[in-house]
N, C-alpha and C. Protein backbone atom coordinates (compact mmCIF):
# COMPACT_ATOMS: atom_id res chain seq x y z
N UNK A 1 -11.57 -3.78 -12.11
CA UNK A 1 -12.95 -4.07 -13.29
C UNK A 1 -12.94 -4.34 -14.39
N UNK A 2 -13.65 -4.57 -14.97
CA UNK A 2 -13.51 -5.68 -15.82
C UNK A 2 -13.05 -4.45 -17.78
N UNK A 3 -12.34 -5.79 -18.16
CA UNK A 3 -11.68 -4.46 -19.73
C UNK A 3 -12.03 -5.06 -21.10
N UNK A 4 -12.67 -4.44 -21.85
CA UNK A 4 -11.95 -3.11 -21.92
C UNK A 4 -13.17 -2.02 -21.42
N UNK A 5 -12.98 -0.80 -20.57
CA UNK A 5 -13.80 -0.42 -19.86
C UNK A 5 -14.57 0.69 -20.98
N UNK A 6 -16.02 0.11 -20.95
CA UNK A 6 -16.32 1.36 -21.43
C UNK A 6 -16.35 2.77 -21.85
N UNK A 7 -15.82 3.63 -20.71
CA UNK A 7 -15.23 4.90 -21.10
C UNK A 7 -14.03 5.46 -21.50
N UNK A 8 -13.34 3.92 -21.67
CA UNK A 8 -12.48 4.42 -22.79
C UNK A 8 -13.07 4.58 -24.16
N UNK A 9 -13.79 4.39 -24.74
CA UNK A 9 -14.52 4.95 -25.96
C UNK A 9 -14.37 6.73 -26.14
N UNK A 10 -14.73 7.15 -25.07
CA UNK A 10 -15.34 8.30 -25.24
C UNK A 10 -13.39 8.92 -25.11
N UNK A 11 -13.05 8.68 -23.74
CA UNK A 11 -11.53 9.39 -23.74
C UNK A 11 -10.31 8.96 -24.53
N UNK A 12 -10.28 7.79 -25.16
CA UNK A 12 -10.02 7.69 -26.23
C UNK A 12 -9.48 8.76 -27.43
N UNK A 13 -11.36 8.96 -28.02
CA UNK A 13 -11.42 10.03 -28.65
C UNK A 13 -10.62 11.88 -28.15
N UNK A 14 -11.42 11.55 -27.48
CA UNK A 14 -10.81 13.32 -26.97
C UNK A 14 -9.70 13.32 -26.84
N UNK A 15 -8.89 12.20 -26.16
CA UNK A 15 -7.55 12.47 -26.02
C UNK A 15 -7.06 12.81 -27.46
N UNK A 16 -6.65 12.09 -28.23
CA UNK A 16 -6.78 12.38 -29.70
C UNK A 16 -6.84 13.34 -30.13
N UNK A 17 -8.09 14.12 -29.86
CA UNK A 17 -8.51 15.49 -30.54
C UNK A 17 -7.31 16.49 -29.90
N UNK A 18 -6.42 16.02 -28.35
CA UNK A 18 -6.54 16.95 -27.66
C UNK A 18 -7.19 17.62 -27.14
N UNK A 19 -8.28 17.19 -26.81
CA UNK A 19 -9.12 18.27 -26.18
C UNK A 19 -8.91 17.96 -24.53
N UNK A 20 -8.18 19.44 -23.65
CA UNK A 20 -8.37 19.01 -22.43
C UNK A 20 -9.66 18.14 -22.13
N UNK A 21 -9.66 17.30 -21.25
CA UNK A 21 -10.67 16.87 -20.57
C UNK A 21 -10.27 16.29 -19.01
N UNK A 22 -10.92 15.95 -17.81
CA UNK A 22 -11.24 14.81 -16.74
C UNK A 22 -11.47 14.51 -16.18
N UNK A 23 -12.50 12.74 -15.73
CA UNK A 23 -13.00 12.23 -15.55
C UNK A 23 -13.37 12.78 -14.32
N UNK A 24 -14.97 12.34 -13.65
CA UNK A 24 -14.78 12.93 -12.39
C UNK A 24 -16.12 11.80 -11.76
N UNK A 25 -16.94 12.20 -10.78
CA UNK A 25 -17.72 11.46 -11.44
C UNK A 25 -17.78 9.79 -10.34
N UNK A 26 -18.86 9.32 -10.70
CA UNK A 26 -18.48 7.90 -10.33
C UNK A 26 -16.84 7.00 -10.44
N UNK A 27 -16.75 7.33 -11.80
CA UNK A 27 -15.41 6.54 -12.10
C UNK A 27 -14.51 7.40 -11.85
N UNK A 28 -14.30 8.27 -11.52
CA UNK A 28 -12.63 9.07 -10.72
C UNK A 28 -13.38 8.26 -9.23
N UNK A 29 -14.29 7.87 -8.57
CA UNK A 29 -14.38 8.08 -7.69
C UNK A 29 -14.19 6.40 -7.12
N UNK A 30 -14.59 5.40 -8.30
CA UNK A 30 -14.16 4.02 -8.37
C UNK A 30 -12.57 4.44 -8.25
N UNK A 31 -11.61 5.14 -9.19
CA UNK A 31 -10.22 4.91 -9.40
C UNK A 31 -9.70 5.02 -7.55
N UNK A 32 -10.69 6.29 -6.99
CA UNK A 32 -10.03 6.95 -6.13
C UNK A 32 -10.12 5.92 -4.64
N UNK A 33 -11.14 4.99 -4.49
CA UNK A 33 -11.62 4.54 -3.48
C UNK A 33 -12.34 2.99 -3.77
N UNK A 34 -13.40 2.13 -4.27
CA UNK A 34 -13.22 0.89 -4.19
C UNK A 34 -14.63 1.12 -5.48
N UNK A 35 -14.44 -0.42 -6.75
CA UNK A 35 -15.25 -0.26 -7.19
C UNK A 35 -16.65 -0.74 -7.13
N UNK A 36 -17.71 -0.31 -7.67
CA UNK A 36 -19.22 -0.30 -7.78
C UNK A 36 -19.34 0.08 -9.40
N UNK A 37 -20.83 -0.63 -9.51
CA UNK A 37 -21.30 -0.30 -11.02
C UNK A 37 -21.95 1.14 -11.59
N UNK A 38 -21.63 1.51 -12.57
CA UNK A 38 -22.18 2.30 -13.30
C UNK A 38 -22.20 1.98 -14.37
N UNK A 39 -23.29 3.49 -14.75
CA UNK A 39 -23.71 2.73 -16.65
C UNK A 39 -23.36 4.70 -17.39
N UNK A 40 -22.03 5.14 -16.88
CA UNK A 40 -22.12 6.68 -17.18
C UNK A 40 -20.72 7.12 -16.93
N UNK A 41 -20.26 7.64 -17.65
CA UNK A 41 -18.75 8.64 -17.15
C UNK A 41 -18.99 9.99 -16.75
N UNK A 42 -18.56 10.66 -15.96
CA UNK A 42 -19.25 12.11 -16.26
C UNK A 42 -17.53 12.77 -16.90
N UNK A 43 -17.95 13.84 -17.51
CA UNK A 43 -16.43 14.28 -18.38
C UNK A 43 -16.27 15.51 -18.02
N UNK A 44 -15.44 16.35 -17.81
CA UNK A 44 -15.12 18.19 -17.89
C UNK A 44 -14.27 18.24 -18.82
N UNK A 45 -15.04 18.93 -19.82
CA UNK A 45 -14.65 19.01 -20.79
C UNK A 45 -13.78 20.28 -21.29
N UNK A 46 -12.88 20.71 -21.78
CA UNK A 46 -12.58 22.57 -22.23
C UNK A 46 -12.90 22.62 -23.53
N UNK A 47 -14.03 22.77 -23.59
CA UNK A 47 -14.61 23.03 -25.42
C UNK A 47 -14.66 24.31 -25.96
N UNK A 48 -14.30 24.45 -27.07
CA UNK A 48 -14.92 25.46 -27.64
C UNK A 48 -15.30 25.57 -29.11
N UNK A 49 -16.29 26.63 -29.73
CA UNK A 49 -16.73 26.33 -30.62
C UNK A 49 -16.26 26.22 -31.70
N UNK A 50 -15.13 26.64 -31.84
CA UNK A 50 -14.54 25.75 -32.73
C UNK A 50 -14.10 24.21 -33.21
N UNK A 51 -13.99 23.11 -31.93
CA UNK A 51 -14.07 22.65 -31.99
C UNK A 51 -15.09 21.20 -31.95
N UNK A 52 -16.67 21.81 -32.17
CA UNK A 52 -17.80 21.23 -32.00
C UNK A 52 -17.84 20.35 -33.00
N UNK A 53 -17.11 20.91 -34.27
CA UNK A 53 -17.33 20.07 -35.19
C UNK A 53 -16.80 18.10 -35.27
N UNK A 54 -15.05 18.89 -35.15
CA UNK A 54 -14.32 18.14 -34.51
C UNK A 54 -15.19 16.60 -34.00
N UNK A 55 -15.66 17.28 -32.99
CA UNK A 55 -16.07 16.14 -31.89
C UNK A 55 -17.49 15.69 -32.62
N UNK A 56 -18.58 16.18 -33.21
CA UNK A 56 -19.00 15.49 -33.98
C UNK A 56 -18.61 14.72 -35.40
N UNK A 57 -17.66 15.00 -35.50
CA UNK A 57 -16.99 14.03 -36.59
C UNK A 57 -15.93 12.73 -36.00
N UNK A 58 -15.60 13.08 -34.30
CA UNK A 58 -14.98 11.88 -33.92
C UNK A 58 -16.26 10.76 -33.02
N UNK A 59 -17.66 11.21 -32.87
CA UNK A 59 -18.56 10.62 -32.61
C UNK A 59 -20.02 10.88 -33.78
N UNK A 60 -19.12 9.70 -34.85
CA UNK A 60 -20.81 9.25 -35.93
C UNK A 60 -21.68 9.10 -35.32
N UNK A 61 -22.85 9.47 -35.65
CA UNK A 61 -24.21 9.13 -35.11
C UNK A 61 -24.24 7.33 -35.69
N UNK A 62 -23.99 6.93 -36.98
CA UNK A 62 -24.21 5.65 -37.00
C UNK A 62 -23.81 5.21 -35.94
N UNK A 63 -22.33 5.53 -34.76
CA UNK A 63 -21.70 4.82 -33.88
C UNK A 63 -22.54 5.58 -32.36
N UNK A 64 -23.03 6.32 -32.38
CA UNK A 64 -22.74 7.83 -31.63
C UNK A 64 -24.32 8.30 -31.15
N UNK A 65 -25.06 8.55 -30.28
CA UNK A 65 -26.02 9.43 -30.21
C UNK A 65 -25.53 10.61 -29.78
N UNK A 66 -24.69 12.15 -30.56
CA UNK A 66 -24.22 12.74 -29.93
C UNK A 66 -25.21 14.07 -30.77
N UNK A 67 -25.39 15.43 -29.88
CA UNK A 67 -25.93 16.32 -30.44
C UNK A 67 -25.77 16.94 -31.31
N UNK A 68 -26.66 17.82 -32.23
CA UNK A 68 -26.31 18.78 -32.46
C UNK A 68 -25.16 20.16 -32.47
N UNK A 69 -24.63 20.09 -33.28
CA UNK A 69 -23.57 21.66 -32.79
C UNK A 69 -24.14 22.74 -32.17
N UNK A 70 -25.29 22.86 -32.82
CA UNK A 70 -26.17 23.92 -32.08
C UNK A 70 -26.66 23.74 -30.88
N UNK A 71 -27.00 22.29 -29.91
CA UNK A 71 -27.27 22.09 -29.29
C UNK A 71 -25.81 22.56 -28.31
N UNK A 72 -25.01 21.87 -28.47
CA UNK A 72 -23.64 21.70 -27.60
C UNK A 72 -23.40 23.18 -27.81
N UNK A 73 -23.39 23.99 -29.40
CA UNK A 73 -23.07 25.53 -29.04
C UNK A 73 -23.53 26.00 -27.87
N UNK A 74 -25.13 25.88 -27.36
CA UNK A 74 -25.76 26.69 -26.17
C UNK A 74 -25.34 26.51 -25.26
N UNK A 75 -25.00 24.93 -24.72
CA UNK A 75 -24.16 24.13 -23.69
C UNK A 75 -22.94 24.45 -22.69
N UNK A 76 -22.05 25.17 -23.81
CA UNK A 76 -20.71 25.70 -23.31
C UNK A 76 -20.74 26.70 -23.48
N UNK A 77 -22.00 27.13 -23.95
CA UNK A 77 -22.10 28.82 -23.49
C UNK A 77 -22.32 29.29 -22.56
N UNK A 78 -22.75 28.35 -21.78
CA UNK A 78 -23.47 28.59 -20.50
C UNK A 78 -22.61 28.97 -19.29
N UNK A 79 -23.26 30.28 -18.67
CA UNK A 79 -22.20 30.42 -17.51
C UNK A 79 -21.50 29.04 -16.68
N UNK A 80 -22.41 28.49 -15.80
CA UNK A 80 -22.65 27.54 -15.12
C UNK A 80 -23.39 26.32 -16.05
N UNK A 81 -22.86 24.96 -14.88
CA UNK A 81 -24.33 23.60 -15.81
C UNK A 81 -24.34 23.46 -16.94
N UNK A 82 -24.06 24.22 -17.43
CA UNK A 82 -23.81 23.34 -19.28
C UNK A 82 -23.54 21.85 -19.07
N UNK A 83 -24.31 20.73 -20.18
CA UNK A 83 -24.37 20.06 -19.54
C UNK A 83 -25.19 19.20 -21.43
N UNK A 84 -24.34 17.74 -21.86
CA UNK A 84 -25.07 17.41 -22.76
C UNK A 84 -24.18 15.85 -22.65
N UNK A 85 -25.01 14.90 -23.15
CA UNK A 85 -24.78 13.45 -23.12
C UNK A 85 -24.32 13.47 -24.84
N UNK A 86 -23.04 11.91 -24.87
CA UNK A 86 -23.23 11.20 -25.68
C UNK A 86 -23.27 10.23 -25.59
N UNK A 87 -23.61 8.88 -26.11
CA UNK A 87 -24.14 7.71 -26.52
C UNK A 87 -23.69 6.90 -27.15
N UNK A 88 -23.24 5.79 -26.35
CA UNK A 88 -22.63 4.20 -27.31
C UNK A 88 -23.70 3.73 -28.04
N UNK A 89 -24.37 3.49 -29.05
CA UNK A 89 -24.93 3.05 -29.25
C UNK A 89 -25.09 1.34 -29.26
N UNK A 90 -23.70 0.67 -29.26
CA UNK A 90 -23.82 -0.70 -29.45
C UNK A 90 -24.04 -0.90 -27.94
N UNK A 91 -22.95 -0.50 -26.74
CA UNK A 91 -23.08 -0.57 -25.45
C UNK A 91 -23.98 0.32 -24.54
N UNK A 92 -24.74 1.42 -25.33
CA UNK A 92 -25.12 1.41 -24.05
C UNK A 92 -24.87 2.78 -23.03
N UNK A 93 -23.67 2.79 -23.10
CA UNK A 93 -22.30 3.72 -22.00
C UNK A 93 -22.81 4.84 -22.51
N UNK A 94 -22.91 5.98 -21.63
CA UNK A 94 -23.20 7.31 -21.89
C UNK A 94 -22.05 7.69 -21.16
N UNK A 95 -22.05 8.92 -21.86
CA UNK A 95 -20.70 10.27 -21.16
C UNK A 95 -21.57 11.55 -21.45
N UNK A 96 -21.31 12.04 -19.57
CA UNK A 96 -21.96 13.29 -19.59
C UNK A 96 -21.13 14.07 -19.29
N UNK A 97 -21.15 14.99 -20.87
CA UNK A 97 -20.04 16.17 -20.59
C UNK A 97 -19.93 17.18 -20.44
N UNK A 98 -19.48 17.91 -19.58
CA UNK A 98 -19.84 19.40 -19.29
C UNK A 98 -18.89 20.19 -19.06
N UNK A 99 -19.33 20.91 -20.09
CA UNK A 99 -18.29 21.79 -20.30
C UNK A 99 -17.71 22.64 -19.38
N UNK A 100 -16.10 23.03 -19.24
CA UNK A 100 -15.76 23.87 -18.18
C UNK A 100 -15.85 25.20 -17.94
N UNK A 101 -16.54 25.47 -16.75
CA UNK A 101 -17.34 26.82 -17.12
C UNK A 101 -17.48 27.38 -15.54
N UNK A 102 -16.73 27.20 -15.14
CA UNK A 102 -16.98 27.62 -13.55
C UNK A 102 -15.63 27.65 -12.51
N UNK A 103 -15.30 28.02 -11.26
CA UNK A 103 -13.62 28.26 -11.33
C UNK A 103 -13.54 26.98 -10.43
N UNK A 104 -14.49 25.83 -10.13
CA UNK A 104 -14.33 24.44 -9.56
C UNK A 104 -13.65 23.73 -10.61
N UNK A 105 -14.26 23.70 -11.58
CA UNK A 105 -13.75 23.27 -12.81
C UNK A 105 -12.79 23.24 -13.54
N UNK A 106 -12.21 24.53 -13.00
CA UNK A 106 -10.99 25.46 -14.23
C UNK A 106 -9.43 24.40 -12.57
N UNK A 107 -10.29 25.13 -11.83
CA UNK A 107 -9.42 24.42 -10.83
C UNK A 107 -8.96 22.67 -10.89
N UNK A 108 -10.20 22.33 -11.10
CA UNK A 108 -9.58 20.48 -11.45
C UNK A 108 -8.77 20.46 -11.99
N UNK A 109 -9.15 21.00 -13.93
CA UNK A 109 -8.11 20.68 -14.31
C UNK A 109 -7.23 21.01 -14.53
N UNK A 110 -6.75 22.53 -13.66
CA UNK A 110 -5.71 22.90 -13.48
C UNK A 110 -4.46 21.58 -12.33
N UNK A 111 -5.49 21.12 -12.09
CA UNK A 111 -4.74 20.14 -10.65
C UNK A 111 -5.16 18.80 -11.54
N UNK A 112 -5.41 18.16 -12.42
CA UNK A 112 -5.99 16.59 -13.20
C UNK A 112 -4.68 15.58 -13.23
N UNK A 113 -5.09 15.20 -13.00
CA UNK A 113 -3.79 13.69 -13.09
C UNK A 113 -4.43 12.91 -14.41
N UNK A 114 -3.03 12.20 -14.53
CA UNK A 114 -2.48 11.43 -15.68
C UNK A 114 -2.34 10.30 -15.53
N UNK A 115 -2.96 9.18 -15.39
CA UNK A 115 -2.64 7.89 -14.97
C UNK A 115 -2.25 6.89 -16.25
N UNK A 116 -1.75 6.38 -16.06
CA UNK A 116 -1.81 5.05 -17.52
C UNK A 116 -2.50 4.32 -17.01
N UNK A 117 -3.08 3.39 -17.96
CA UNK A 117 -5.15 2.55 -17.22
C UNK A 117 -5.10 1.81 -18.97
N UNK A 118 -4.52 0.78 -18.79
CA UNK A 118 -5.01 -0.45 -19.61
C UNK A 118 -4.10 -0.02 -21.13
N UNK A 119 -2.92 0.34 -20.79
CA UNK A 119 -2.40 0.44 -22.77
C UNK A 119 -2.72 2.06 -22.89
N UNK A 120 -3.55 2.80 -22.50
CA UNK A 120 -3.76 4.24 -22.26
C UNK A 120 -3.57 4.82 -21.23
N UNK A 121 -3.68 6.51 -21.23
CA UNK A 121 -3.56 7.97 -20.62
C UNK A 121 -5.12 8.29 -20.15
N UNK A 122 -5.92 7.94 -18.94
CA UNK A 122 -6.64 8.63 -18.55
C UNK A 122 -6.10 10.32 -17.64
N UNK A 123 -7.06 10.79 -17.51
CA UNK A 123 -7.09 12.17 -17.16
C UNK A 123 -7.95 11.82 -15.84
N UNK A 124 -7.78 12.15 -14.49
CA UNK A 124 -8.57 12.33 -13.87
C UNK A 124 -8.52 13.65 -13.06
N UNK A 125 -10.24 13.59 -12.15
CA UNK A 125 -10.78 15.26 -11.45
C UNK A 125 -9.37 14.62 -9.96
N UNK A 126 -8.63 15.92 -9.93
CA UNK A 126 -8.32 15.62 -8.31
C UNK A 126 -9.22 14.44 -7.56
N UNK A 127 -8.36 14.46 -6.66
CA UNK A 127 -9.82 13.63 -5.31
C UNK A 127 -10.12 14.52 -4.66
N UNK A 128 -10.00 15.59 -3.91
CA UNK A 128 -10.66 16.72 -3.59
C UNK A 128 -11.52 17.31 -4.89
N UNK A 129 -11.20 17.38 -5.62
CA UNK A 129 -12.40 18.10 -6.70
C UNK A 129 -13.74 16.95 -6.40
N UNK A 130 -13.28 15.85 -6.60
CA UNK A 130 -14.16 14.62 -6.80
C UNK A 130 -15.22 14.65 -5.77
N UNK A 131 -14.36 15.46 -4.48
CA UNK A 131 -14.83 14.96 -2.95
C UNK A 131 -16.34 16.19 -2.93
N UNK A 132 -15.80 17.34 -3.12
CA UNK A 132 -16.61 18.47 -3.67
C UNK A 132 -17.49 17.92 -4.12
N UNK A 133 -17.37 18.45 -5.39
CA UNK A 133 -18.31 17.71 -6.05
C UNK A 133 -19.52 16.54 -5.48
N UNK A 134 -19.13 15.87 -4.98
CA UNK A 134 -19.90 14.64 -4.41
C UNK A 134 -20.93 15.30 -3.24
N UNK A 135 -20.27 16.31 -2.57
CA UNK A 135 -20.88 17.23 -1.20
C UNK A 135 -21.89 17.69 -1.58
N UNK A 136 -21.58 18.53 -3.00
CA UNK A 136 -23.11 19.71 -3.58
C UNK A 136 -23.46 18.73 -4.05
N UNK A 137 -23.92 17.54 -4.40
CA UNK A 137 -24.81 16.65 -5.22
C UNK A 137 -25.83 15.61 -4.03
N UNK A 138 -25.02 15.34 -3.27
CA UNK A 138 -25.18 14.98 -1.93
C UNK A 138 -26.56 15.95 -1.21
N UNK A 139 -25.86 17.49 -1.63
CA UNK A 139 -27.01 18.63 -0.90
C UNK A 139 -27.98 18.39 -1.90
N UNK A 140 -27.73 18.14 -3.43
CA UNK A 140 -28.33 18.83 -4.09
C UNK A 140 -30.48 17.75 -3.89
N UNK A 141 -29.21 16.19 -3.82
CA UNK A 141 -30.57 15.44 -4.07
C UNK A 141 -30.95 14.50 -3.21
N UNK A 142 -29.41 14.59 -1.97
CA UNK A 142 -29.85 13.42 -1.09
C UNK A 142 -29.45 12.23 -1.10
N UNK A 143 -29.06 11.76 -2.64
CA UNK A 143 -28.03 10.06 -3.03
C UNK A 143 -27.06 9.91 -1.98
N UNK A 144 -27.80 8.39 -1.17
CA UNK A 144 -26.40 8.51 -0.37
C UNK A 144 -25.67 7.58 -1.40
N UNK A 145 -24.99 6.81 -2.28
CA UNK A 145 -24.63 7.04 -2.96
C UNK A 145 -23.18 8.06 -2.77
N UNK A 146 -23.47 8.95 -3.04
CA UNK A 146 -22.32 10.45 -3.03
C UNK A 146 -21.33 10.10 -1.55
N UNK A 147 -22.32 9.94 -0.77
CA UNK A 147 -21.45 9.73 0.51
C UNK A 147 -20.78 8.24 0.51
N UNK A 148 -21.18 7.19 0.29
CA UNK A 148 -21.01 5.82 0.67
C UNK A 148 -19.12 6.40 -0.33
N UNK A 149 -19.59 6.74 -1.91
CA UNK A 149 -18.59 6.70 -2.68
C UNK A 149 -16.95 7.95 -1.72
N UNK A 150 -17.67 8.92 -1.19
CA UNK A 150 -16.79 10.06 -0.37
C UNK A 150 -15.96 9.15 1.10
N UNK A 151 -17.06 8.50 1.46
CA UNK A 151 -16.24 7.72 2.63
C UNK A 151 -15.42 6.94 2.35
N UNK A 152 -15.36 5.53 0.58
CA UNK A 152 -14.65 4.61 0.20
C UNK A 152 -12.83 5.97 -0.24
N UNK A 153 -13.06 6.80 -0.76
CA UNK A 153 -12.09 7.39 -0.75
C UNK A 153 -11.28 7.43 0.39
N UNK A 154 -11.58 8.63 0.97
CA UNK A 154 -11.26 8.75 2.30
C UNK A 154 -10.60 7.61 3.34
N UNK A 155 -11.10 6.34 2.39
CA UNK A 155 -10.30 5.27 3.55
C UNK A 155 -9.28 5.06 3.16
N UNK A 156 -9.53 4.99 1.43
CA UNK A 156 -8.14 3.96 0.40
C UNK A 156 -7.40 5.38 0.28
N UNK A 157 -7.84 6.60 0.22
CA UNK A 157 -7.03 7.47 -0.16
C UNK A 157 -5.61 8.08 1.25
N UNK A 158 -6.47 7.90 2.12
CA UNK A 158 -5.47 7.77 3.46
C UNK A 158 -4.64 9.69 3.94
N UNK A 159 -3.43 9.34 3.82
CA UNK A 159 -3.16 10.53 3.54
C UNK A 159 -2.38 10.75 2.39
N UNK A 160 -3.30 10.48 1.19
CA UNK A 160 -3.09 10.85 -0.34
C UNK A 160 -3.92 12.31 -0.57
N UNK A 161 -4.86 12.68 0.52
CA UNK A 161 -5.18 14.05 -0.01
C UNK A 161 -4.66 15.16 0.87
N UNK A 162 -4.87 16.03 -0.14
CA UNK A 162 -4.57 17.31 0.21
C UNK A 162 -5.63 18.26 1.12
N UNK A 163 -5.73 17.79 2.63
CA UNK A 163 -6.70 17.66 3.65
C UNK A 163 -7.07 19.20 3.84
N UNK A 164 -5.81 20.00 3.79
CA UNK A 164 -5.78 21.70 3.76
C UNK A 164 -6.96 22.29 2.75
N UNK A 165 -6.07 21.61 2.10
CA UNK A 165 -7.09 22.54 0.21
C UNK A 165 -8.30 21.59 0.02
N UNK A 166 -8.99 20.79 0.30
CA UNK A 166 -9.93 20.05 0.94
C UNK A 166 -10.84 21.24 1.65
N UNK A 167 -10.04 21.34 3.27
CA UNK A 167 -11.11 22.06 4.38
C UNK A 167 -11.37 23.32 3.75
N UNK A 168 -10.24 23.62 3.21
CA UNK A 168 -10.63 25.22 2.53
C UNK A 168 -11.99 24.89 1.55
N UNK A 169 -12.26 24.35 0.49
CA UNK A 169 -12.32 24.37 -0.52
C UNK A 169 -14.35 23.85 0.14
N UNK A 170 -14.78 22.99 1.46
CA UNK A 170 -15.48 22.52 1.91
C UNK A 170 -15.92 24.47 2.50
N UNK A 171 -15.14 25.02 3.66
CA UNK A 171 -15.47 26.59 4.00
C UNK A 171 -16.26 27.30 2.95
N UNK A 172 -15.02 27.24 2.02
CA UNK A 172 -16.06 28.52 0.58
C UNK A 172 -16.97 28.25 -0.05
N UNK A 173 -17.18 26.49 -0.29
CA UNK A 173 -18.56 26.07 -1.03
C UNK A 173 -20.12 26.02 0.41
N UNK A 174 -19.66 25.65 1.42
CA UNK A 174 -20.96 25.68 2.89
C UNK A 174 -21.39 24.67 2.68
N UNK A 175 -20.01 23.58 2.90
CA UNK A 175 -20.40 22.33 3.05
C UNK A 175 -19.98 21.43 3.80
N UNK A 176 -20.08 22.37 5.06
CA UNK A 176 -19.62 21.62 6.24
C UNK A 176 -20.67 20.48 7.22
N UNK A 177 -22.14 20.85 6.51
CA UNK A 177 -22.73 20.38 6.95
C UNK A 177 -23.24 18.52 6.62
N UNK A 178 -22.38 18.64 5.01
CA UNK A 178 -22.48 17.60 4.16
C UNK A 178 -21.50 16.68 4.52
N UNK A 179 -19.96 17.27 4.82
CA UNK A 179 -18.95 16.79 5.00
C UNK A 179 -19.07 15.80 6.21
N UNK A 180 -19.72 16.83 7.69
CA UNK A 180 -19.44 15.90 8.69
C UNK A 180 -20.12 14.65 8.51
N UNK A 181 -21.34 14.73 7.72
CA UNK A 181 -22.46 13.48 6.97
C UNK A 181 -21.55 12.27 6.72
N UNK A 182 -21.02 12.85 5.57
CA UNK A 182 -19.96 11.80 4.66
C UNK A 182 -18.36 11.46 5.65
N UNK A 183 -17.93 12.17 7.02
CA UNK A 183 -17.38 11.64 7.36
C UNK A 183 -18.04 10.66 8.32
N UNK A 184 -19.19 11.08 8.90
CA UNK A 184 -19.64 9.73 9.55
C UNK A 184 -20.42 8.98 9.11
N UNK A 185 -20.56 8.68 7.42
CA UNK A 185 -21.21 7.94 7.30
C UNK A 185 -20.64 6.19 7.29
N UNK A 186 -21.69 5.43 7.90
CA UNK A 186 -21.47 4.17 8.23
C UNK A 186 -21.27 3.60 8.94
N UNK A 187 -21.32 4.83 10.19
CA UNK A 187 -20.58 4.30 11.75
C UNK A 187 -22.18 4.37 12.60
């Protein structure tokens, strides 16, 4: 991957603020699988209303598009599917911010992995979380990129995947059909 990675613009600030986060989506799939192009990073954050003034201060409007605090407040209050974007003006790179709002988010954050990367620390969602979310997104939208990402992750991770945990989560979320499509992708 080319350096410096544009997602570091966001993760460094969250790390300095002490806001728990984990990278998911395609960027996590790249770490666990194979490189591919992406123009955004999905970040799950454990945000509270008291964090919002610090967040807007960390992402100033002259450098970033950052939604107003009242918009972010509505999104972090949602029982599920809260979401807002922060966009870096200079690069156009976007962070899709997902407030921690459901059981899978909470599980992912509790099992997240911190790695050293380009003289920084990054917190990644566990691969099992990434697979489950990609299966869900495939079910919702049908995009083959999710199946490709899963297949490449499975190939790269081999035995470094908690298969019992993954299989239980697939059952719990009713993703058996999507799992069969992902594991048979490219055959």
